[in-house]
PDB file of N, CA and C in Angstrom:
ATOM      1  N   UNK A   1       0.844  -1.163   0.000  1.00  0.00           N
ATOM      2  CA  UNK A   1       0.000   0.000   0.000  1.00  0.00           C
ATOM      3  C   UNK A   1       0.898   1.237   0.000  1.00  0.00           C
ATOM      4  N   UNK A   2       0.620   2.172  -0.865  1.00  0.00           N
ATOM      5  CA  UNK A   2       1.412   3.383  -0.937  1.00  0.00           C
ATOM      6  C   UNK A   2       1.099   4.276   0.258  1.00  0.00           C
ATOM      7  N   UNK A   3       2.149   4.836   0.852  1.00  0.00           N
ATOM      8  CA  UNK A   3       1.964   5.668   2.029  1.00  0.00           C
ATOM      9  C   UNK A   3       2.108   7.133   1.646  1.00  0.00           C
ATOM     10  N   UNK A   4       1.134   7.936   1.970  1.00  0.00           N
ATOM     11  CA  UNK A   4       1.178   9.366   1.715  1.00  0.00           C
ATOM     12  C   UNK A   4       1.554  10.076   3.006  1.00  0.00           C
ATOM     13  N   UNK A   5       2.738   9.802   3.521  1.00  0.00           N
ATOM     14  CA  UNK A   5       3.186  10.344   4.795  1.00  0.00           C
ATOM     15  C   UNK A   5       3.149  11.857   4.856  1.00  0.00           C
ATOM     16  N   UNK A   6       3.412  12.517   3.739  1.00  0.00           N
ATOM     17  CA  UNK A   6       3.402  13.971   3.714  1.00  0.00           C
ATOM     18  C   UNK A   6       1.985  14.499   3.909  1.00  0.00           C
ATOM     19  N   UNK A   7       1.004  13.758   3.408  1.00  0.00           N
ATOM     20  CA  UNK A   7      -0.374  14.218   3.500  1.00  0.00           C
ATOM     21  C   UNK A   7      -0.996  13.978   4.872  1.00  0.00           C
ATOM     22  N   UNK A   8      -0.722  12.806   5.465  1.00  0.00           N
ATOM     23  CA  UNK A   8      -1.373  12.519   6.747  1.00  0.00           C
ATOM     24  C   UNK A   8      -0.485  12.847   7.941  1.00  0.00           C
ATOM     25  N   UNK A   9       0.742  13.242   7.690  1.00  0.00           N
ATOM     26  CA  UNK A   9       1.686  13.655   8.724  1.00  0.00           C
ATOM     27  C   UNK A   9       1.796  12.653   9.867  1.00  0.00           C
ATOM     28  N   UNK A  10       1.578  11.380   9.580  1.00  0.00           N
ATOM     29  CA  UNK A  10       1.745  10.344  10.597  1.00  0.00           C
ATOM     30  C   UNK A  10       0.687  10.362  11.671  1.00  0.00           C
ATOM     31  N   UNK A  11      -0.475  10.899  11.374  1.00  0.00           N
ATOM     32  CA  UNK A  11      -1.559  10.981  12.366  1.00  0.00           C
ATOM     33  C   UNK A  11      -1.995   9.601  12.835  1.00  0.00           C
ATOM     34  N   UNK A  12      -2.066   8.645  11.901  1.00  0.00           N
ATOM     35  CA  UNK A  12      -2.501   7.292  12.226  1.00  0.00           C
ATOM     36  C   UNK A  12      -1.332   6.330  12.038  1.00  0.00           C
ATOM     37  N   UNK A  13      -1.334   5.255  12.818  1.00  0.00           N
ATOM     38  CA  UNK A  13      -0.289   4.245  12.737  1.00  0.00           C
ATOM     39  C   UNK A  13      -0.873   2.964  12.172  1.00  0.00           C
ATOM     40  N   UNK A  14      -0.246   2.463  11.106  1.00  0.00           N
ATOM     41  CA  UNK A  14      -0.734   1.228  10.497  1.00  0.00           C
ATOM     42  C   UNK A  14      -0.740   0.093  11.509  1.00  0.00           C
ATOM     43  N   UNK A  15      -1.821  -0.678  11.499  1.00  0.00           N
ATOM     44  CA  UNK A  15      -1.943  -1.831  12.379  1.00  0.00           C
ATOM     45  C   UNK A  15      -2.609  -1.543  13.713  1.00  0.00           C
ATOM     46  N   UNK A  16      -2.774  -0.271  14.062  1.00  0.00           N
ATOM     47  CA  UNK A  16      -3.447   0.052  15.326  1.00  0.00           C
ATOM     48  C   UNK A  16      -4.949   0.158  15.105  1.00  0.00           C
ATOM     49  N   UNK A  17      -5.671  -0.032  16.187  1.00  0.00           N
ATOM     50  CA  UNK A  17      -7.123  -0.033  16.155  1.00  0.00           C
ATOM     51  C   UNK A  17      -7.661   1.343  16.535  1.00  0.00           C
ATOM     52  N   UNK A  18      -8.688   1.785  15.801  1.00  0.00           N
ATOM     53  CA  UNK A  18      -9.253   3.114  16.017  1.00  0.00           C
ATOM     54  C   UNK A  18     -10.782   3.057  15.980  1.00  0.00           C
ATOM     55  N   UNK A  19     -11.394   4.097  16.530  1.00  0.00           N
ATOM     56  CA  UNK A  19     -12.790   4.415  16.280  1.00  0.00           C
ATOM     57  C   UNK A  19     -12.752   5.657  15.410  1.00  0.00           C
ATOM     58  N   UNK A  20     -13.470   5.613  14.273  1.00  0.00           N
ATOM     59  CA  UNK A  20     -13.408   6.694  13.297  1.00  0.00           C
ATOM     60  C   UNK A  20     -14.795   7.304  13.120  1.00  0.00           C
ATOM     61  N   UNK A  21     -14.856   8.623  13.144  1.00  0.00           N
ATOM     62  CA  UNK A  21     -16.098   9.330  12.911  1.00  0.00           C
ATOM     63  C   UNK A  21     -16.021  10.158  11.643  1.00  0.00           C
ATOM     64  N   UNK A  22     -17.118  10.228  10.933  1.00  0.00           N
ATOM     65  CA  UNK A  22     -17.171  11.056   9.731  1.00  0.00           C
ATOM     66  C   UNK A  22     -18.201  12.164   9.947  1.00  0.00           C
ATOM     67  N   UNK A  23     -18.190  13.157   9.042  1.00  0.00           N
ATOM     68  CA  UNK A  23     -18.951  14.384   9.319  1.00  0.00           C
ATOM     69  C   UNK A  23     -20.466  14.240   9.281  1.00  0.00           C
ATOM     70  N   UNK A  24     -21.001  13.106   8.827  1.00  0.00           N
ATOM     71  CA  UNK A  24     -22.457  12.926   8.878  1.00  0.00           C
ATOM     72  C   UNK A  24     -22.912  12.280  10.185  1.00  0.00           C
ATOM     73  N   UNK A  25     -21.970  12.074  11.104  1.00  0.00           N
ATOM     74  CA  UNK A  25     -22.297  11.501  12.399  1.00  0.00           C
ATOM     75  C   UNK A  25     -22.097   9.999  12.491  1.00  0.00           C
ATOM     76  N   UNK A  26     -21.730   9.352  11.381  1.00  0.00           N
ATOM     77  CA  UNK A  26     -21.486   7.907  11.389  1.00  0.00           C
ATOM     78  C   UNK A  26     -20.194   7.613  12.141  1.00  0.00           C
ATOM     79  N   UNK A  27     -20.222   6.587  12.969  1.00  0.00           N
ATOM     80  CA  UNK A  27     -19.049   6.181  13.740  1.00  0.00           C
ATOM     81  C   UNK A  27     -18.743   4.725  13.407  1.00  0.00           C
ATOM     82  N   UNK A  28     -17.488   4.448  13.078  1.00  0.00           N
ATOM     83  CA  UNK A  28     -17.013   3.089  12.821  1.00  0.00           C
ATOM     84  C   UNK A  28     -16.096   2.713  13.978  1.00  0.00           C
ATOM     85  N   UNK A  29     -16.511   1.714  14.751  1.00  0.00           N
ATOM     86  CA  UNK A  29     -15.744   1.331  15.937  1.00  0.00           C
ATOM     87  C   UNK A  29     -14.865   0.125  15.645  1.00  0.00           C
ATOM     88  N   UNK A  30     -13.728   0.086  16.330  1.00  0.00           N
ATOM     89  CA  UNK A  30     -12.790  -1.039  16.289  1.00  0.00           C
ATOM     90  C   UNK A  30     -12.387  -1.389  14.857  1.00  0.00           C
ATOM     91  N   UNK A  31     -11.857  -0.410  14.148  1.00  0.00           N
ATOM     92  CA  UNK A  31     -11.325  -0.646  12.810  1.00  0.00           C
ATOM     93  C   UNK A  31      -9.808  -0.494  12.864  1.00  0.00           C
ATOM     94  N   UNK A  32      -9.109  -1.294  12.082  1.00  0.00           N
ATOM     95  CA  UNK A  32      -7.644  -1.280  12.061  1.00  0.00           C
ATOM     96  C   UNK A  32      -7.193  -0.466  10.849  1.00  0.00           C
ATOM     97  N   UNK A  33      -6.313   0.498  11.102  1.00  0.00           N
ATOM     98  CA  UNK A  33      -5.795   1.334  10.028  1.00  0.00           C
ATOM     99  C   UNK A  33      -4.801   0.542   9.202  1.00  0.00           C
ATOM    100  N   UNK A  34      -5.017   0.502   7.872  1.00  0.00           N
ATOM    101  CA  UNK A  34      -4.165  -0.254   6.956  1.00  0.00           C
ATOM    102  C   UNK A  34      -3.255   0.634   6.131  1.00  0.00           C
ATOM    103  N   UNK A  35      -3.510   1.934   6.094  1.00  0.00           N
ATOM    104  CA  UNK A  35      -2.690   2.850   5.306  1.00  0.00           C
ATOM    105  C   UNK A  35      -3.579   3.697   4.412  1.00  0.00           C
ATOM    106  N   UNK A  36      -2.959   4.278   3.386  1.00  0.00           N
ATOM    107  CA  UNK A  36      -3.717   5.096   2.453  1.00  0.00           C
ATOM    108  C   UNK A  36      -3.572   4.535   1.047  1.00  0.00           C
ATOM    109  N   UNK A  37      -4.609   4.767   0.251  1.00  0.00           N
ATOM    110  CA  UNK A  37      -4.603   4.399  -1.164  1.00  0.00           C
ATOM    111  C   UNK A  37      -5.108   5.609  -1.944  1.00  0.00           C
ATOM    112  N   UNK A  38      -4.735   5.658  -3.200  1.00  0.00           N
ATOM    113  CA  UNK A  38      -5.189   6.742  -4.052  1.00  0.00           C
ATOM    114  C   UNK A  38      -6.443   6.304  -4.802  1.00  0.00           C
ATOM    115  N   UNK A  39      -7.484   7.147  -4.764  1.00  0.00           N
ATOM    116  CA  UNK A  39      -8.712   6.888  -5.492  1.00  0.00           C
ATOM    117  C   UNK A  39      -9.031   8.133  -6.303  1.00  0.00           C
ATOM    118  N   UNK A  40      -8.970   8.012  -7.628  1.00  0.00           N
ATOM    119  CA  UNK A  40      -9.151   9.166  -8.524  1.00  0.00           C
ATOM    120  C   UNK A  40      -8.219  10.318  -8.147  1.00  0.00           C
ATOM    121  N   UNK A  41      -6.995   9.968  -7.779  1.00  0.00           N
ATOM    122  CA  UNK A  41      -5.993  10.976  -7.453  1.00  0.00           C
ATOM    123  C   UNK A  41      -6.081  11.547  -6.057  1.00  0.00           C
ATOM    124  N   UNK A  42      -7.042  11.087  -5.265  1.00  0.00           N
ATOM    125  CA  UNK A  42      -7.184  11.593  -3.897  1.00  0.00           C
ATOM    126  C   UNK A  42      -6.791  10.495  -2.913  1.00  0.00           C
ATOM    127  N   UNK A  43      -6.057  10.848  -1.856  1.00  0.00           N
ATOM    128  CA  UNK A  43      -5.700   9.837  -0.859  1.00  0.00           C
ATOM    129  C   UNK A  43      -6.915   9.443  -0.022  1.00  0.00           C
ATOM    130  N   UNK A  44      -7.084   8.169   0.184  1.00  0.00           N
ATOM    131  CA  UNK A  44      -8.178   7.643   1.006  1.00  0.00           C
ATOM    132  C   UNK A  44      -7.566   6.894   2.182  1.00  0.00           C
ATOM    133  N   UNK A  45      -8.093   7.113   3.381  1.00  0.00           N
ATOM    134  CA  UNK A  45      -7.642   6.375   4.559  1.00  0.00           C
ATOM    135  C   UNK A  45      -8.332   5.013   4.531  1.00  0.00           C
ATOM    136  N   UNK A  46      -7.550   3.950   4.617  1.00  0.00           N
ATOM    137  CA  UNK A  46      -8.096   2.594   4.509  1.00  0.00           C
ATOM    138  C   UNK A  46      -8.051   1.888   5.860  1.00  0.00           C
ATOM    139  N   UNK A  47      -9.171   1.259   6.206  1.00  0.00           N
ATOM    140  CA  UNK A  47      -9.314   0.541   7.462  1.00  0.00           C
ATOM    141  C   UNK A  47      -9.884  -0.838   7.175  1.00  0.00           C
ATOM    142  N   UNK A  48      -9.760  -1.737   8.155  1.00  0.00           N
ATOM    143  CA  UNK A  48     -10.365  -3.066   8.061  1.00  0.00           C
ATOM    144  C   UNK A  48     -11.204  -3.281   9.304  1.00  0.00           C
ATOM    145  N   UNK A  49     -12.429  -3.783   9.109  1.00  0.00           N
ATOM    146  CA  UNK A  49     -13.327  -4.028  10.230  1.00  0.00           C
ATOM    147  C   UNK A  49     -13.038  -5.389  10.844  1.00  0.00           C
ATOM    148  N   UNK A  50     -13.693  -5.681  11.957  1.00  0.00           N
ATOM    149  CA  UNK A  50     -13.506  -6.970  12.641  1.00  0.00           C
ATOM    150  C   UNK A  50     -13.866  -8.153  11.752  1.00  0.00           C
ATOM    151  N   UNK A  51     -14.856  -7.964  10.879  1.00  0.00           N
ATOM    152  CA  UNK A  51     -15.260  -9.074  10.006  1.00  0.00           C
ATOM    153  C   UNK A  51     -14.539  -9.026   8.662  1.00  0.00           C
ATOM    154  N   UNK A  52     -13.399  -8.319   8.627  1.00  0.00           N
ATOM    155  CA  UNK A  52     -12.498  -8.243   7.465  1.00  0.00           C
ATOM    156  C   UNK A  52     -13.065  -7.444   6.294  1.00  0.00           C
ATOM    157  N   UNK A  53     -14.084  -6.617   6.526  1.00  0.00           N
ATOM    158  CA  UNK A  53     -14.576  -5.722   5.483  1.00  0.00           C
ATOM    159  C   UNK A  53     -13.622  -4.543   5.362  1.00  0.00           C
ATOM    160  N   UNK A  54     -13.516  -4.001   4.166  1.00  0.00           N
ATOM    161  CA  UNK A  54     -12.652  -2.856   3.920  1.00  0.00           C
ATOM    162  C   UNK A  54     -13.462  -1.568   4.051  1.00  0.00           C
ATOM    163  N   UNK A  55     -12.896  -0.580   4.719  1.00  0.00           N
ATOM    164  CA  UNK A  55     -13.528   0.723   4.897  1.00  0.00           C
ATOM    165  C   UNK A  55     -12.559   1.780   4.403  1.00  0.00           C
ATOM    166  N   UNK A  56     -12.985   2.604   3.471  1.00  0.00           N
ATOM    167  CA  UNK A  56     -12.166   3.713   2.975  1.00  0.00           C
ATOM    168  C   UNK A  56     -12.856   5.017   3.344  1.00  0.00           C
ATOM    169  N   UNK A  57     -12.091   5.948   3.906  1.00  0.00           N
ATOM    170  CA  UNK A  57     -12.647   7.227   4.337  1.00  0.00           C
ATOM    171  C   UNK A  57     -11.899   8.345   3.619  1.00  0.00           C
ATOM    172  N   UNK A  58     -12.660   9.199   2.954  1.00  0.00           N
ATOM    173  CA  UNK A  58     -12.089  10.385   2.332  1.00  0.00           C
ATOM    174  C   UNK A  58     -11.704  11.340   3.458  1.00  0.00           C
ATOM    175  N   UNK A  59     -10.454  11.771   3.527  1.00  0.00           N
ATOM    176  CA  UNK A  59     -10.051  12.672   4.617  1.00  0.00           C
ATOM    177  C   UNK A  59     -10.887  13.954   4.699  1.00  0.00           C
ATOM    178  N   UNK A  60     -11.488  14.360   3.593  1.00  0.00           N
ATOM    179  CA  UNK A  60     -12.332  15.565   3.613  1.00  0.00           C
ATOM    180  C   UNK A  60     -13.575  15.377   4.483  1.00  0.00           C
ATOM    181  N   UNK A  61     -14.025  14.132   4.653  1.00  0.00           N
ATOM    182  CA  UNK A  61     -15.229  13.842   5.438  1.00  0.00           C
ATOM    183  C   UNK A  61     -14.913  13.298   6.829  1.00  0.00           C
ATOM    184  N   UNK A  62     -13.633  13.185   7.124  1.00  0.00           N
ATOM    185  CA  UNK A  62     -13.176  12.649   8.405  1.00  0.00           C
ATOM    186  C   UNK A  62     -13.396  13.688   9.495  1.00  0.00           C
ATOM    187  N   UNK A  63     -14.047  13.289  10.594  1.00  0.00           N
ATOM    188  CA  UNK A  63     -14.292  14.214  11.701  1.00  0.00           C
ATOM    189  C   UNK A  63     -13.369  13.961  12.884  1.00  0.00           C
ATOM    190  N   UNK A  64     -13.230  12.689  13.274  1.00  0.00           N
ATOM    191  CA  UNK A  64     -12.366  12.384  14.411  1.00  0.00           C
ATOM    192  C   UNK A  64     -11.863  10.963  14.321  1.00  0.00           C
ATOM    193  N   UNK A  65     -10.777  10.720  15.024  1.00  0.00           N
ATOM    194  CA  UNK A  65     -10.217   9.383  15.167  1.00  0.00           C
ATOM    195  C   UNK A  65      -9.838   9.203  16.622  1.00  0.00           C
ATOM    196  N   UNK A  66     -10.308   8.126  17.217  1.00  0.00           N
ATOM    197  CA  UNK A  66     -10.009   7.799  18.608  1.00  0.00           C
ATOM    198  C   UNK A  66      -9.217   6.509  18.612  1.00  0.00           C
ATOM    199  N   UNK A  67      -7.980   6.563  19.125  1.00  0.00           N
ATOM    200  CA  UNK A  67      -7.153   5.358  19.166  1.00  0.00           C
ATOM    201  C   UNK A  67      -7.634   4.438  20.276  1.00  0.00           C
ATOM    202  N   UNK A  68      -7.825   3.171  19.916  1.00  0.00           N
ATOM    203  CA  UNK A  68      -8.229   2.161  20.892  1.00  0.00           C
ATOM    204  C   UNK A  68      -6.976   1.570  21.529  1.00  0.00           C
ATOM    205  N   UNK A  69      -7.132   0.967  22.685  1.00  0.00           N
ATOM    206  CA  UNK A  69      -5.989   0.391  23.392  1.00  0.00           C
ATOM    207  C   UNK A  69      -5.888  -1.108  23.232  1.00  0.00           C
ATOM    208  N   UNK A  70      -6.740  -1.684  22.414  1.00  0.00           N
ATOM    209  CA  UNK A  70      -6.693  -3.130  22.228  1.00  0.00           C
ATOM    210  C   UNK A  70      -6.559  -3.450  20.752  1.00  0.00           C
ATOM    211  N   UNK A  71      -6.127  -4.656  20.464  1.00  0.00           N
ATOM    212  CA  UNK A  71      -6.060  -5.168  19.107  1.00  0.00           C
ATOM    213  C   UNK A  71      -7.124  -6.236  18.952  1.00  0.00           C
ATOM    214  N   UNK A  72      -7.441  -6.572  17.695  1.00  0.00           N
ATOM    215  CA  UNK A  72      -8.376  -7.654  17.454  1.00  0.00           C
ATOM    216  C   UNK A  72      -7.822  -8.923  18.084  1.00  0.00           C
ATOM    217  N   UNK A  73      -8.668  -9.779  18.590  1.00  0.00           N
ATOM    218  CA  UNK A  73      -8.159 -11.031  19.151  1.00  0.00           C
ATOM    219  C   UNK A  73      -7.530 -11.893  18.055  1.00  0.00           C
ATOM    220  N   UNK A  74      -6.463 -12.560  18.404  1.00  0.00           N
ATOM    221  CA  UNK A  74      -5.826 -13.492  17.480  1.00  0.00           C
ATOM    222  C   UNK A  74      -6.555 -14.829  17.594  1.00  0.00           C
ATOM    223  N   UNK A  75      -6.381 -15.729  16.634  1.00  0.00           N
ATOM    224  CA  UNK A  75      -7.032 -17.044  16.747  1.00  0.00           C
ATOM    225  C   UNK A  75      -6.694 -17.752  18.057  1.00  0.00           C
ATOM    226  N   UNK A  76      -5.464 -17.556  18.538  1.00  0.00           N
ATOM    227  CA  UNK A  76      -5.067 -18.191  19.800  1.00  0.00           C
ATOM    228  C   UNK A  76      -5.884 -17.652  20.977  1.00  0.00           C
ATOM    229  N   UNK A  77      -6.261 -16.372  20.911  1.00  0.00           N
ATOM    230  CA  UNK A  77      -7.059 -15.783  21.985  1.00  0.00           C
ATOM    231  C   UNK A  77      -8.460 -16.384  22.048  1.00  0.00           C
ATOM    232  N   UNK A  78      -8.953 -16.886  20.921  1.00  0.00           N
ATOM    233  CA  UNK A  78     -10.307 -17.425  20.863  1.00  0.00           C
ATOM    234  C   UNK A  78     -10.383 -18.903  21.212  1.00  0.00           C
ATOM    235  N   UNK A  79      -9.223 -19.574  21.277  1.00  0.00           N
ATOM    236  CA  UNK A  79      -9.211 -20.988  21.636  1.00  0.00           C
ATOM    237  C   UNK A  79      -9.489 -21.141  23.126  1.00  0.00           C
ATOM    238  N   UNK A  80     -10.193 -22.208  23.491  1.00  0.00           N
ATOM    239  CA  UNK A  80     -10.438 -22.426  24.917  1.00  0.00           C
ATOM    240  C   UNK A  80      -9.116 -22.627  25.658  1.00  0.00           C
ATOM    241  N   UNK A  81      -9.041 -22.042  26.805  1.00  0.00           N
ATOM    242  CA  UNK A  81      -7.824 -22.152  27.616  1.00  0.00           C
ATOM    243  C   UNK A  81      -7.838 -23.451  28.400  1.00  0.00           C
ATOM    244  N   UNK A  82      -6.698 -24.126  28.422  1.00  0.00           N
ATOM    245  CA  UNK A  82      -6.560 -25.355  29.186  1.00  0.00           C
ATOM    246  C   UNK A  82      -5.877 -25.025  30.504  1.00  0.00           C
ATOM    247  N   UNK A  83      -6.470 -25.452  31.580  1.00  0.00           N
ATOM    248  CA  UNK A  83      -5.895 -25.223  32.897  1.00  0.00           C
ATOM    249  C   UNK A  83      -4.938 -26.363  33.217  1.00  0.00           C
ATOM    250  N   UNK A  84      -3.736 -25.998  33.599  1.00  0.00           N
ATOM    251  CA  UNK A  84      -2.727 -26.998  33.949  1.00  0.00           C
ATOM    252  C   UNK A  84      -2.356 -26.779  35.410  1.00  0.00           C
ATOM    253  N   UNK A  85      -2.397 -27.837  36.167  1.00  0.00           N
ATOM    254  CA  UNK A  85      -2.047 -27.723  37.586  1.00  0.00           C
ATOM    255  C   UNK A  85      -0.575 -28.070  37.782  1.00  0.00           C
ATOM    256  N   UNK A  86      -0.045 -27.671  38.899  1.00  0.00           N
ATOM    257  CA  UNK A  86       1.343 -27.994  39.267  1.00  0.00           C
ATOM    258  C   UNK A  86       1.507 -29.510  39.339  1.00  0.00           C
ATOM    259  N   UNK A  87       0.494 -30.210  39.813  1.00  0.00           N
ATOM    260  CA  UNK A  87       0.544 -31.664  39.911  1.00  0.00           C
ATOM    261  C   UNK A  87       0.752 -32.279  38.519  1.00  0.00           C
ATOM    262  N   UNK A  88       0.018 -31.749  37.509  1.00  0.00           N
ATOM    263  CA  UNK A  88       0.170 -32.237  36.140  1.00  0.00           C
ATOM    264  C   UNK A  88       1.584 -31.986  35.614  1.00  0.00           C
ATOM    265  N   UNK A  89       2.119 -30.810  35.908  1.00  0.00           N
ATOM    266  CA  UNK A  89       3.477 -30.475  35.451  1.00  0.00           C
ATOM    267  C   UNK A  89       4.490 -31.393  36.116  1.00  0.00           C
ATOM    268  N   UNK A  90       4.352 -31.591  37.437  1.00  0.00           N
ATOM    269  CA  UNK A  90       5.280 -32.477  38.152  1.00  0.00           C
ATOM    270  C   UNK A  90       5.188 -33.901  37.635  1.00  0.00           C
ATOM    271  N   UNK A  91       3.987 -34.362  37.331  1.00  0.00           N
ATOM    272  CA  UNK A  91       3.813 -35.709  36.789  1.00  0.00           C
ATOM    273  C   UNK A  91       4.484 -35.842  35.437  1.00  0.00           C
ATOM    274  N   UNK A  92       4.353 -34.821  34.608  1.00  0.00           N
ATOM    275  CA  UNK A  92       4.977 -34.844  33.287  1.00  0.00           C
ATOM    276  C   UNK A  92       6.498 -34.845  33.405  1.00  0.00           C
ATOM    277  N   UNK A  93       7.040 -34.046  34.308  1.00  0.00           N
ATOM    278  CA  UNK A  93       8.498 -34.001  34.517  1.00  0.00           C
ATOM    279  C   UNK A  93       8.993 -35.359  35.005  1.00  0.00           C
ATOM    280  N   UNK A  94       8.290 -35.949  35.961  1.00  0.00           N
ATOM    281  CA  UNK A  94       8.690 -37.260  36.505  1.00  0.00           C
ATOM    282  C   UNK A  94       8.642 -38.307  35.402  1.00  0.00           C
ATOM    283  N   UNK A  95       7.639 -38.263  34.558  1.00  0.00           N
ATOM    284  CA  UNK A  95       7.494 -39.218  33.467  1.00  0.00           C
ATOM    285  C   UNK A  95       8.664 -39.081  32.482  1.00  0.00           C
ATOM    286  N   UNK A  96       9.015 -37.829  32.115  1.00  0.00           N
ATOM    287  CA  UNK A  96      10.112 -37.593  31.189  1.00  0.00           C
ATOM    288  C   UNK A  96      11.445 -38.021  31.802  1.00  0.00           C
ATOM    289  N   UNK A  97      11.630 -37.773  33.090  1.00  0.00           N
ATOM    290  CA  UNK A  97      12.884 -38.161  33.745  1.00  0.00           C
ATOM    291  C   UNK A  97      13.013 -39.686  33.773  1.00  0.00           C
ATOM    292  N   UNK A  98      11.910 -40.361  34.034  1.00  0.00           N
ATOM    293  CA  UNK A  98      11.914 -41.829  34.067  1.00  0.00           C
ATOM    294  C   UNK A  98      12.236 -42.395  32.682  1.00  0.00           C
ATOM    295  N   UNK A  99      11.664 -41.798  31.628  1.00  0.00           N
ATOM    296  CA  UNK A  99      11.901 -42.253  30.269  1.00  0.00           C
ATOM    297  C   UNK A  99      13.339 -41.997  29.816  1.00  0.00           C
ATOM    298  N   UNK A 100      13.929 -40.902  30.261  1.00  0.00           N
ATOM    299  CA  UNK A 100      15.271 -40.537  29.843  1.00  0.00           C
ATOM    300  C   UNK A 100      16.354 -41.105  30.746  1.00  0.00           C
ATOM    301  N   UNK A 101      15.963 -41.802  31.744  1.00  0.00           N
ATOM    302  CA  UNK A 101      16.934 -42.460  32.614  1.00  0.00           C
ATOM    303  C   UNK A 101      17.331 -41.652  33.732  1.00  0.00           C
TER     304      UNK A 101
END
């Protein structure tokens, strides 16, 4: 993606999550900034939604951007967590020590 650093002056950071508002009052929450692209010679701010939809915002209609403090969950975050007890760890260590002599 081509970066128009001179135009956006580094206001947004690629890969970070934002809430974006436009001048008609529409708010897009939890979108990840992907960079800028040129559309008919004009730079467009490009974002990706949680469901992987693409969102392009003309900077002329941009009202505000609020940086979020979280990132989208990774697939590992969505997997059920397995609880491991100290007893299980000790049993595994004892088993490995017995097998290895």
